[in-house]
Amino acid sequence: MAIGLNHYLIVSAILFALGIFGIITRKNAIMVLMGLELVLNSANINFIAFSKFGGLNIEGHLAAIFVIILAAAEAAVALAIILNIYQNWRNINVDEIAKMKE
């Protein structure tokens, strides 16, 4: 049995659903960031799969590399913000952080 485009899309959809579930249901800011990384990785799988099977040649790979760079920058900035919030308020609960701005 050969692995086709449908297999990649199914794996990508599962990762996307798990990422959205993690973003929506988690209260811990680190877990929300992990869910966001799953969503970005599912987009990378789609870029690579369509590049392989759709005839996009190198464009899909370049888009995936750009998303990886974007995810690394997002993780660095978001973790710095979370560490700063934890240092000031000793809490990284997303609901509590939202109440702090009021």
PDB file of N, CA and C in Angstrom:
ATOM      1  N   MET A   1       0.847  -1.184   0.000  1.00  0.00           N
ATOM      2  CA  MET A   1       0.000   0.000   0.000  1.00  0.00           C
ATOM      3  C   MET A   1       0.883   1.235   0.000  1.00  0.00           C
ATOM      4  N   ALA A   2       0.705   2.065  -0.980  1.00  0.00           N
ATOM      5  CA  ALA A   2       1.511   3.285  -1.098  1.00  0.00           C
ATOM      6  C   ALA A   2       0.875   4.416  -0.298  1.00  0.00           C
ATOM      7  N   ILE A   3       1.719   5.245   0.249  1.00  0.00           N
ATOM      8  CA  ILE A   3       1.245   6.403   0.996  1.00  0.00           C
ATOM      9  C   ILE A   3       0.925   7.510  -0.004  1.00  0.00           C
ATOM     10  N   GLY A   4      -0.300   7.968   0.012  1.00  0.00           N
ATOM     11  CA  GLY A   4      -0.747   8.981  -0.931  1.00  0.00           C
ATOM     12  C   GLY A   4      -1.066  10.297  -0.241  1.00  0.00           C
ATOM     13  N   LEU A   5      -1.592  11.205  -1.009  1.00  0.00           N
ATOM     14  CA  LEU A   5      -1.933  12.539  -0.506  1.00  0.00           C
ATOM     15  C   LEU A   5      -2.985  12.467   0.592  1.00  0.00           C
ATOM     16  N   ASN A   6      -3.924  11.558   0.465  1.00  0.00           N
ATOM     17  CA  ASN A   6      -4.979  11.444   1.481  1.00  0.00           C
ATOM     18  C   ASN A   6      -4.415  11.103   2.851  1.00  0.00           C
ATOM     19  N   HIS A   7      -3.394  10.276   2.899  1.00  0.00           N
ATOM     20  CA  HIS A   7      -2.785   9.913   4.187  1.00  0.00           C
ATOM     21  C   HIS A   7      -2.167  11.139   4.859  1.00  0.00           C
ATOM     22  N   TYR A   8      -1.452  11.935   4.077  1.00  0.00           N
ATOM     23  CA  TYR A   8      -0.860  13.151   4.625  1.00  0.00           C
ATOM     24  C   TYR A   8      -1.940  14.112   5.120  1.00  0.00           C
ATOM     25  N   LEU A   9      -2.999  14.248   4.353  1.00  0.00           N
ATOM     26  CA  LEU A   9      -4.071  15.172   4.736  1.00  0.00           C
ATOM     27  C   LEU A   9      -4.803  14.701   5.989  1.00  0.00           C
ATOM     28  N   ILE A  10      -4.946  13.395   6.145  1.00  0.00           N
ATOM     29  CA  ILE A  10      -5.595  12.869   7.348  1.00  0.00           C
ATOM     30  C   ILE A  10      -4.733  13.126   8.577  1.00  0.00           C
ATOM     31  N   VAL A  11      -3.435  12.872   8.470  1.00  0.00           N
ATOM     32  CA  VAL A  11      -2.532  13.144   9.596  1.00  0.00           C
ATOM     33  C   VAL A  11      -2.526  14.635   9.925  1.00  0.00           C
ATOM     34  N   SER A  12      -2.514  15.458   8.900  1.00  0.00           N
ATOM     35  CA  SER A  12      -2.527  16.901   9.103  1.00  0.00           C
ATOM     36  C   SER A  12      -3.822  17.357   9.767  1.00  0.00           C
ATOM     37  N   ALA A  13      -4.945  16.788   9.358  1.00  0.00           N
ATOM     38  CA  ALA A  13      -6.233  17.156   9.960  1.00  0.00           C
ATOM     39  C   ALA A  13      -6.298  16.733  11.425  1.00  0.00           C
ATOM     40  N   ILE A  14      -5.738  15.567  11.738  1.00  0.00           N
ATOM     41  CA  ILE A  14      -5.723  15.111  13.128  1.00  0.00           C
ATOM     42  C   ILE A  14      -4.856  16.045  13.974  1.00  0.00           C
ATOM     43  N   LEU A  15      -3.674  16.404  13.470  1.00  0.00           N
ATOM     44  CA  LEU A  15      -2.814  17.336  14.208  1.00  0.00           C
ATOM     45  C   LEU A  15      -3.485  18.693  14.386  1.00  0.00           C
ATOM     46  N   PHE A  16      -4.148  19.164  13.337  1.00  0.00           N
ATOM     47  CA  PHE A  16      -4.837  20.452  13.418  1.00  0.00           C
ATOM     48  C   PHE A  16      -5.947  20.408  14.459  1.00  0.00           C
ATOM     49  N   ALA A  17      -6.727  19.331  14.458  1.00  0.00           N
ATOM     50  CA  ALA A  17      -7.816  19.204  15.430  1.00  0.00           C
ATOM     51  C   ALA A  17      -7.278  19.130  16.856  1.00  0.00           C
ATOM     52  N   LEU A  18      -6.202  18.376  17.056  1.00  0.00           N
ATOM     53  CA  LEU A  18      -5.599  18.301  18.395  1.00  0.00           C
ATOM     54  C   LEU A  18      -5.047  19.657  18.832  1.00  0.00           C
ATOM     55  N   GLY A  19      -4.457  20.391  17.896  1.00  0.00           N
ATOM     56  CA  GLY A  19      -3.936  21.712  18.220  1.00  0.00           C
ATOM     57  C   GLY A  19      -5.034  22.688  18.593  1.00  0.00           C
ATOM     58  N   ILE A  20      -6.112  22.708  17.826  1.00  0.00           N
ATOM     59  CA  ILE A  20      -7.243  23.590  18.146  1.00  0.00           C
ATOM     60  C   ILE A  20      -7.865  23.193  19.474  1.00  0.00           C
ATOM     61  N   PHE A  21      -7.983  21.893  19.717  1.00  0.00           N
ATOM     62  CA  PHE A  21      -8.508  21.424  21.002  1.00  0.00           C
ATOM     63  C   PHE A  21      -7.620  21.901  22.149  1.00  0.00           C
ATOM     64  N   GLY A  22      -6.303  21.821  21.959  1.00  0.00           N
ATOM     65  CA  GLY A  22      -5.373  22.268  22.991  1.00  0.00           C
ATOM     66  C   GLY A  22      -5.441  23.769  23.217  1.00  0.00           C
ATOM     67  N   ILE A  23      -5.636  24.533  22.169  1.00  0.00           N
ATOM     68  CA  ILE A  23      -5.727  25.990  22.305  1.00  0.00           C
ATOM     69  C   ILE A  23      -7.000  26.381  23.037  1.00  0.00           C
ATOM     70  N   ILE A  24      -8.097  25.727  22.699  1.00  0.00           N
ATOM     71  CA  ILE A  24      -9.398  26.121  23.252  1.00  0.00           C
ATOM     72  C   ILE A  24      -9.574  25.652  24.698  1.00  0.00           C
ATOM     73  N   THR A  25      -9.130  24.451  25.014  1.00  0.00           N
ATOM     74  CA  THR A  25      -9.466  23.873  26.322  1.00  0.00           C
ATOM     75  C   THR A  25      -8.436  24.113  27.415  1.00  0.00           C
ATOM     76  N   ARG A  26      -7.235  24.451  27.090  1.00  0.00           N
ATOM     77  CA  ARG A  26      -6.199  24.578  28.115  1.00  0.00           C
ATOM     78  C   ARG A  26      -6.210  25.953  28.762  1.00  0.00           C
ATOM     79  N   LYS A  27      -5.899  25.982  30.037  1.00  0.00           N
ATOM     80  CA  LYS A  27      -5.788  27.230  30.760  1.00  0.00           C
ATOM     81  C   LYS A  27      -4.334  27.636  30.966  1.00  0.00           C
ATOM     82  N   ASN A  28      -3.423  26.690  30.856  1.00  0.00           N
ATOM     83  CA  ASN A  28      -2.008  26.959  31.031  1.00  0.00           C
ATOM     84  C   ASN A  28      -1.454  27.543  29.733  1.00  0.00           C
ATOM     85  N   ALA A  29      -0.746  28.660  29.823  1.00  0.00           N
ATOM     86  CA  ALA A  29      -0.247  29.353  28.636  1.00  0.00           C
ATOM     87  C   ALA A  29       0.757  28.499  27.857  1.00  0.00           C
ATOM     88  N   ILE A  30       1.538  27.685  28.532  1.00  0.00           N
ATOM     89  CA  ILE A  30       2.495  26.813  27.845  1.00  0.00           C
ATOM     90  C   ILE A  30       1.748  25.784  26.991  1.00  0.00           C
ATOM     91  N   MET A  31       0.670  25.232  27.505  1.00  0.00           N
ATOM     92  CA  MET A  31      -0.116  24.270  26.737  1.00  0.00           C
ATOM     93  C   MET A  31      -0.785  24.922  25.536  1.00  0.00           C
ATOM     94  N   VAL A  32      -1.200  26.166  25.667  1.00  0.00           N
ATOM     95  CA  VAL A  32      -1.776  26.886  24.535  1.00  0.00           C
ATOM     96  C   VAL A  32      -0.720  27.065  23.447  1.00  0.00           C
ATOM     97  N   LEU A  33       0.506  27.374  23.835  1.00  0.00           N
ATOM     98  CA  LEU A  33       1.587  27.496  22.858  1.00  0.00           C
ATOM     99  C   LEU A  33       1.889  26.161  22.184  1.00  0.00           C
ATOM    100  N   MET A  34       1.806  25.071  22.932  1.00  0.00           N
ATOM    101  CA  MET A  34       2.030  23.754  22.336  1.00  0.00           C
ATOM    102  C   MET A  34       0.935  23.433  21.321  1.00  0.00           C
ATOM    103  N   GLY A  35      -0.298  23.821  21.619  1.00  0.00           N
ATOM    104  CA  GLY A  35      -1.382  23.632  20.666  1.00  0.00           C
ATOM    105  C   GLY A  35      -1.172  24.450  19.404  1.00  0.00           C
ATOM    106  N   LEU A  36      -0.664  25.665  19.557  1.00  0.00           N
ATOM    107  CA  LEU A  36      -0.367  26.508  18.402  1.00  0.00           C
ATOM    108  C   LEU A  36       0.739  25.897  17.553  1.00  0.00           C
ATOM    109  N   GLU A  37       1.718  25.295  18.177  1.00  0.00           N
ATOM    110  CA  GLU A  37       2.779  24.618  17.424  1.00  0.00           C
ATOM    111  C   GLU A  37       2.233  23.423  16.641  1.00  0.00           C
ATOM    112  N   LEU A  38       1.271  22.704  17.211  1.00  0.00           N
ATOM    113  CA  LEU A  38       0.651  21.595  16.477  1.00  0.00           C
ATOM    114  C   LEU A  38      -0.086  22.095  15.241  1.00  0.00           C
ATOM    115  N   VAL A  39      -0.766  23.220  15.367  1.00  0.00           N
ATOM    116  CA  VAL A  39      -1.470  23.798  14.220  1.00  0.00           C
ATOM    117  C   VAL A  39      -0.474  24.193  13.131  1.00  0.00           C
ATOM    118  N   LEU A  40       0.629  24.816  13.518  1.00  0.00           N
ATOM    119  CA  LEU A  40       1.636  25.207  12.538  1.00  0.00           C
ATOM    120  C   LEU A  40       2.291  23.991  11.882  1.00  0.00           C
ATOM    121  N   ASN A  41       2.509  22.929  12.649  1.00  0.00           N
ATOM    122  CA  ASN A  41       3.076  21.705  12.075  1.00  0.00           C
ATOM    123  C   ASN A  41       2.109  21.025  11.112  1.00  0.00           C
ATOM    124  N   SER A  42       0.822  21.117  11.383  1.00  0.00           N
ATOM    125  CA  SER A  42      -0.144  20.555  10.439  1.00  0.00           C
ATOM    126  C   SER A  42      -0.129  21.337   9.127  1.00  0.00           C
ATOM    127  N   ALA A  43       0.070  22.638   9.200  1.00  0.00           N
ATOM    128  CA  ALA A  43       0.207  23.430   7.969  1.00  0.00           C
ATOM    129  C   ALA A  43       1.467  23.026   7.210  1.00  0.00           C
ATOM    130  N   ASN A  44       2.544  22.754   7.925  1.00  0.00           N
ATOM    131  CA  ASN A  44       3.779  22.298   7.272  1.00  0.00           C
ATOM    132  C   ASN A  44       3.581  20.972   6.546  1.00  0.00           C
ATOM    133  N   ILE A  45       2.865  20.062   7.172  1.00  0.00           N
ATOM    134  CA  ILE A  45       2.600  18.780   6.511  1.00  0.00           C
ATOM    135  C   ILE A  45       1.816  19.007   5.220  1.00  0.00           C
ATOM    136  N   ASN A  46       0.839  19.909   5.263  1.00  0.00           N
ATOM    137  CA  ASN A  46       0.076  20.216   4.048  1.00  0.00           C
ATOM    138  C   ASN A  46       0.964  20.821   2.970  1.00  0.00           C
ATOM    139  N   PHE A  47       1.828  21.757   3.338  1.00  0.00           N
ATOM    140  CA  PHE A  47       2.723  22.370   2.352  1.00  0.00           C
ATOM    141  C   PHE A  47       3.603  21.322   1.679  1.00  0.00           C
ATOM    142  N   ILE A  48       4.183  20.443   2.468  1.00  0.00           N
ATOM    143  CA  ILE A  48       5.073  19.426   1.918  1.00  0.00           C
ATOM    144  C   ILE A  48       4.293  18.408   1.085  1.00  0.00           C
ATOM    145  N   ALA A  49       3.124  18.010   1.549  1.00  0.00           N
ATOM    146  CA  ALA A  49       2.327  17.029   0.800  1.00  0.00           C
ATOM    147  C   ALA A  49       1.883  17.595  -0.546  1.00  0.00           C
ATOM    148  N   PHE A  50       1.406  18.840  -0.546  1.00  0.00           N
ATOM    149  CA  PHE A  50       0.984  19.421  -1.816  1.00  0.00           C
ATOM    150  C   PHE A  50       2.175  19.724  -2.712  1.00  0.00           C
ATOM    151  N   SER A  51       3.320  19.959  -2.118  1.00  0.00           N
ATOM    152  CA  SER A  51       4.522  20.152  -2.914  1.00  0.00           C
ATOM    153  C   SER A  51       4.915  18.853  -3.610  1.00  0.00           C
ATOM    154  N   LYS A  52       4.772  17.735  -2.890  1.00  0.00           N
ATOM    155  CA  LYS A  52       5.154  16.441  -3.458  1.00  0.00           C
ATOM    156  C   LYS A  52       4.146  15.953  -4.490  1.00  0.00           C
ATOM    157  N   PHE A  53       2.863  16.040  -4.156  1.00  0.00           N
ATOM    158  CA  PHE A  53       1.842  15.450  -5.010  1.00  0.00           C
ATOM    159  C   PHE A  53       1.173  16.444  -5.957  1.00  0.00           C
ATOM    160  N   GLY A  54       1.291  17.740  -5.682  1.00  0.00           N
ATOM    161  CA  GLY A  54       0.587  18.725  -6.486  1.00  0.00           C
ATOM    162  C   GLY A  54       1.436  19.401  -7.534  1.00  0.00           C
ATOM    163  N   GLY A  55       2.706  19.084  -7.583  1.00  0.00           N
ATOM    164  CA  GLY A  55       3.568  19.676  -8.593  1.00  0.00           C
ATOM    165  C   GLY A  55       4.028  21.081  -8.267  1.00  0.00           C
ATOM    166  N   LEU A  56       4.100  21.430  -6.981  1.00  0.00           N
ATOM    167  CA  LEU A  56       4.561  22.763  -6.607  1.00  0.00           C
ATOM    168  C   LEU A  56       6.082  22.869  -6.581  1.00  0.00           C
ATOM    169  N   ASN A  57       6.756  21.770  -6.779  1.00  0.00           N
ATOM    170  CA  ASN A  57       8.213  21.704  -6.748  1.00  0.00           C
ATOM    171  C   ASN A  57       8.761  22.220  -5.431  1.00  0.00           C
ATOM    172  N   ILE A  58       9.564  23.262  -5.459  1.00  0.00           N
ATOM    173  CA  ILE A  58      10.264  23.721  -4.256  1.00  0.00           C
ATOM    174  C   ILE A  58       9.450  24.737  -3.458  1.00  0.00           C
ATOM    175  N   GLU A  59       8.387  25.298  -4.011  1.00  0.00           N
ATOM    176  CA  GLU A  59       7.640  26.345  -3.325  1.00  0.00           C
ATOM    177  C   GLU A  59       7.024  25.868  -2.014  1.00  0.00           C
ATOM    178  N   GLY A  60       6.541  24.638  -1.986  1.00  0.00           N
ATOM    179  CA  GLY A  60       5.975  24.094  -0.751  1.00  0.00           C
ATOM    180  C   GLY A  60       7.019  23.922   0.330  1.00  0.00           C
ATOM    181  N   HIS A  61       8.212  23.518  -0.072  1.00  0.00           N
ATOM    182  CA  HIS A  61       9.299  23.360   0.900  1.00  0.00           C
ATOM    183  C   HIS A  61       9.725  24.717   1.445  1.00  0.00           C
ATOM    184  N   LEU A  62       9.785  25.718   0.606  1.00  0.00           N
ATOM    185  CA  LEU A  62      10.152  27.062   1.065  1.00  0.00           C
ATOM    186  C   LEU A  62       9.109  27.627   2.020  1.00  0.00           C
ATOM    187  N   ALA A  63       7.836  27.376   1.728  1.00  0.00           N
ATOM    188  CA  ALA A  63       6.781  27.826   2.637  1.00  0.00           C
ATOM    189  C   ALA A  63       6.892  27.118   3.979  1.00  0.00           C
ATOM    190  N   ALA A  64       7.214  25.831   3.969  1.00  0.00           N
ATOM    191  CA  ALA A  64       7.363  25.083   5.215  1.00  0.00           C
ATOM    192  C   ALA A  64       8.543  25.604   6.032  1.00  0.00           C
ATOM    193  N   ILE A  65       9.644  25.919   5.361  1.00  0.00           N
ATOM    194  CA  ILE A  65      10.797  26.484   6.073  1.00  0.00           C
ATOM    195  C   ILE A  65      10.442  27.838   6.677  1.00  0.00           C
ATOM    196  N   PHE A  66       9.685  28.640   5.941  1.00  0.00           N
ATOM    197  CA  PHE A  66       9.253  29.935   6.467  1.00  0.00           C
ATOM    198  C   PHE A  66       8.370  29.743   7.696  1.00  0.00           C
ATOM    199  N   VAL A  67       7.473  28.772   7.679  1.00  0.00           N
ATOM    200  CA  VAL A  67       6.609  28.513   8.830  1.00  0.00           C
ATOM    201  C   VAL A  67       7.434  28.028  10.022  1.00  0.00           C
ATOM    202  N   ILE A  68       8.456  27.221   9.784  1.00  0.00           N
ATOM    203  CA  ILE A  68       9.321  26.766  10.877  1.00  0.00           C
ATOM    204  C   ILE A  68      10.058  27.947  11.511  1.00  0.00           C
ATOM    205  N   ILE A  69      10.560  28.853  10.678  1.00  0.00           N
ATOM    206  CA  ILE A  69      11.234  30.050  11.200  1.00  0.00           C
ATOM    207  C   ILE A  69      10.257  30.907  11.986  1.00  0.00           C
ATOM    208  N   LEU A  70       9.049  31.072  11.459  1.00  0.00           N
ATOM    209  CA  LEU A  70       8.018  31.841  12.151  1.00  0.00           C
ATOM    210  C   LEU A  70       7.660  31.202  13.486  1.00  0.00           C
ATOM    211  N   ALA A  71       7.554  29.882  13.528  1.00  0.00           N
ATOM    212  CA  ALA A  71       7.220  29.182  14.767  1.00  0.00           C
ATOM    213  C   ALA A  71       8.331  29.325  15.804  1.00  0.00           C
ATOM    214  N   ALA A  72       9.573  29.293  15.372  1.00  0.00           N
ATOM    215  CA  ALA A  72      10.688  29.462  16.312  1.00  0.00           C
ATOM    216  C   ALA A  72      10.690  30.866  16.899  1.00  0.00           C
ATOM    217  N   ALA A  73      10.450  31.857  16.066  1.00  0.00           N
ATOM    218  CA  ALA A  73      10.398  33.239  16.567  1.00  0.00           C
ATOM    219  C   ALA A  73       9.205  33.435  17.494  1.00  0.00           C
ATOM    220  N   GLU A  74       8.080  32.855  17.138  1.00  0.00           N
ATOM    221  CA  GLU A  74       6.884  32.962  17.977  1.00  0.00           C
ATOM    222  C   GLU A  74       7.107  32.296  19.330  1.00  0.00           C
ATOM    223  N   ALA A  75       7.748  31.151  19.329  1.00  0.00           N
ATOM    224  CA  ALA A  75       8.001  30.446  20.589  1.00  0.00           C
ATOM    225  C   ALA A  75       8.948  31.241  21.479  1.00  0.00           C
ATOM    226  N   ALA A  76       9.969  31.836  20.898  1.00  0.00           N
ATOM    227  CA  ALA A  76      10.924  32.611  21.695  1.00  0.00           C
ATOM    228  C   ALA A  76      10.255  33.835  22.317  1.00  0.00           C
ATOM    229  N   VAL A  77       9.494  34.561  21.537  1.00  0.00           N
ATOM    230  CA  VAL A  77       8.834  35.768  22.057  1.00  0.00           C
ATOM    231  C   VAL A  77       7.754  35.397  23.068  1.00  0.00           C
ATOM    232  N   ALA A  78       6.956  34.387  22.755  1.00  0.00           N
ATOM    233  CA  ALA A  78       5.877  33.998  23.661  1.00  0.00           C
ATOM    234  C   ALA A  78       6.421  33.459  24.982  1.00  0.00           C
ATOM    235  N   LEU A  79       7.475  32.669  24.941  1.00  0.00           N
ATOM    236  CA  LEU A  79       8.051  32.167  26.194  1.00  0.00           C
ATOM    237  C   LEU A  79       8.661  33.294  27.018  1.00  0.00           C
ATOM    238  N   ALA A  80       9.243  34.284  26.370  1.00  0.00           N
ATOM    239  CA  ALA A  80       9.762  35.434  27.105  1.00  0.00           C
ATOM    240  C   ALA A  80       8.625  36.203  27.786  1.00  0.00           C
ATOM    241  N   ILE A  81       7.516  36.366  27.092  1.00  0.00           N
ATOM    242  CA  ILE A  81       6.357  37.041  27.692  1.00  0.00           C
ATOM    243  C   ILE A  81       5.804  36.225  28.850  1.00  0.00           C
ATOM    244  N   ILE A  82       5.693  34.916  28.674  1.00  0.00           N
ATOM    245  CA  ILE A  82       5.165  34.067  29.740  1.00  0.00           C
ATOM    246  C   ILE A  82       6.082  34.078  30.963  1.00  0.00           C
ATOM    247  N   LEU A  83       7.393  34.034  30.738  1.00  0.00           N
ATOM    248  CA  LEU A  83       8.325  34.108  31.867  1.00  0.00           C
ATOM    249  C   LEU A  83       8.221  35.441  32.595  1.00  0.00           C
ATOM    250  N   ASN A  84       8.026  36.519  31.868  1.00  0.00           N
ATOM    251  CA  ASN A  84       7.858  37.832  32.490  1.00  0.00           C
ATOM    252  C   ASN A  84       6.562  37.896  33.299  1.00  0.00           C
ATOM    253  N   ILE A  85       5.488  37.337  32.764  1.00  0.00           N
ATOM    254  CA  ILE A  85       4.218  37.304  33.501  1.00  0.00           C
ATOM    255  C   ILE A  85       4.357  36.454  34.756  1.00  0.00           C
ATOM    256  N   TYR A  86       5.020  35.313  34.650  1.00  0.00           N
ATOM    257  CA  TYR A  86       5.206  34.454  35.818  1.00  0.00           C
ATOM    258  C   TYR A  86       6.075  35.132  36.873  1.00  0.00           C
ATOM    259  N   GLN A  87       7.082  35.849  36.422  1.00  0.00           N
ATOM    260  CA  GLN A  87       7.967  36.531  37.358  1.00  0.00           C
ATOM    261  C   GLN A  87       7.221  37.621  38.123  1.00  0.00           C
ATOM    262  N   ASN A  88       6.288  38.292  37.488  1.00  0.00           N
ATOM    263  CA  ASN A  88       5.560  39.385  38.145  1.00  0.00           C
ATOM    264  C   ASN A  88       4.394  38.895  38.992  1.00  0.00           C
ATOM    265  N   TRP A  89       3.633  37.904  38.501  1.00  0.00           N
ATOM    266  CA  TRP A  89       2.412  37.497  39.181  1.00  0.00           C
ATOM    267  C   TRP A  89       2.409  36.059  39.661  1.00  0.00           C
ATOM    268  N   ARG A  90       3.428  35.281  39.427  1.00  0.00           N
ATOM    269  CA  ARG A  90       3.545  33.887  39.866  1.00  0.00           C
ATOM    270  C   ARG A  90       2.371  33.024  39.378  1.00  0.00           C
ATOM    271  N   ASN A  91       1.896  33.309  38.176  1.00  0.00           N
ATOM    272  CA  ASN A  91       0.767  32.571  37.633  1.00  0.00           C
ATOM    273  C   ASN A  91       0.828  32.638  36.107  1.00  0.00           C
ATOM    274  N   ILE A  92       0.589  31.498  35.436  1.00  0.00           N
ATOM    275  CA  ILE A  92       0.531  31.518  33.975  1.00  0.00           C
ATOM    276  C   ILE A  92      -0.800  30.980  33.475  1.00  0.00           C
ATOM    277  N   ASN A  93      -1.817  31.020  34.327  1.00  0.00           N
ATOM    278  CA  ASN A  93      -3.160  30.629  33.941  1.00  0.00           C
ATOM    279  C   ASN A  93      -3.722  31.705  33.016  1.00  0.00           C
ATOM    280  N   VAL A  94      -4.194  31.304  31.843  1.00  0.00           N
ATOM    281  CA  VAL A  94      -4.663  32.258  30.837  1.00  0.00           C
ATOM    282  C   VAL A  94      -5.857  33.055  31.348  1.00  0.00           C
ATOM    283  N   ASP A  95      -6.750  32.431  32.088  1.00  0.00           N
ATOM    284  CA  ASP A  95      -7.913  33.141  32.627  1.00  0.00           C
ATOM    285  C   ASP A  95      -7.498  34.199  33.647  1.00  0.00           C
ATOM    286  N   GLU A  96      -6.541  33.862  34.488  1.00  0.00           N
ATOM    287  CA  GLU A  96      -6.052  34.816  35.489  1.00  0.00           C
ATOM    288  C   GLU A  96      -5.313  35.988  34.826  1.00  0.00           C
ATOM    289  N   ILE A  97      -4.576  35.707  33.781  1.00  0.00           N
ATOM    290  CA  ILE A  97      -3.868  36.760  33.074  1.00  0.00           C
ATOM    291  C   ILE A  97      -4.861  37.724  32.446  1.00  0.00           C
ATOM    292  N   ALA A  98      -5.951  37.209  31.899  1.00  0.00           N
ATOM    293  CA  ALA A  98      -6.971  38.070  31.300  1.00  0.00           C
ATOM    294  C   ALA A  98      -7.623  38.967  32.357  1.00  0.00           C
ATOM    295  N   LYS A  99      -7.778  38.468  33.581  1.00  0.00           N
ATOM    296  CA  LYS A  99      -8.362  39.290  34.647  1.00  0.00           C
ATOM    297  C   LYS A  99      -7.396  40.368  35.109  1.00  0.00           C
ATOM    298  N   MET A 100      -6.094  40.165  34.943  1.00  0.00           N
ATOM    299  CA  MET A 100      -5.098  41.123  35.417  1.00  0.00           C
ATOM    300  C   MET A 100      -5.115  42.427  34.629  1.00  0.00           C
ATOM    301  N   LYS A 101      -5.564  42.385  33.390  1.00  0.00           N
ATOM    302  CA  LYS A 101      -5.556  43.607  32.594  1.00  0.00           C
ATOM    303  C   LYS A 101      -6.681  44.545  32.980  1.00  0.00           C
ATOM    304  N   GLU A 102      -7.665  44.070  33.706  1.00  0.00           N
ATOM    305  CA  GLU A 102      -8.782  44.900  34.120  1.00  0.00           C
ATOM    306  C   GLU A 102      -8.414  45.690  35.299  1.00  0.00           C
TER     307      GLU A 102
END
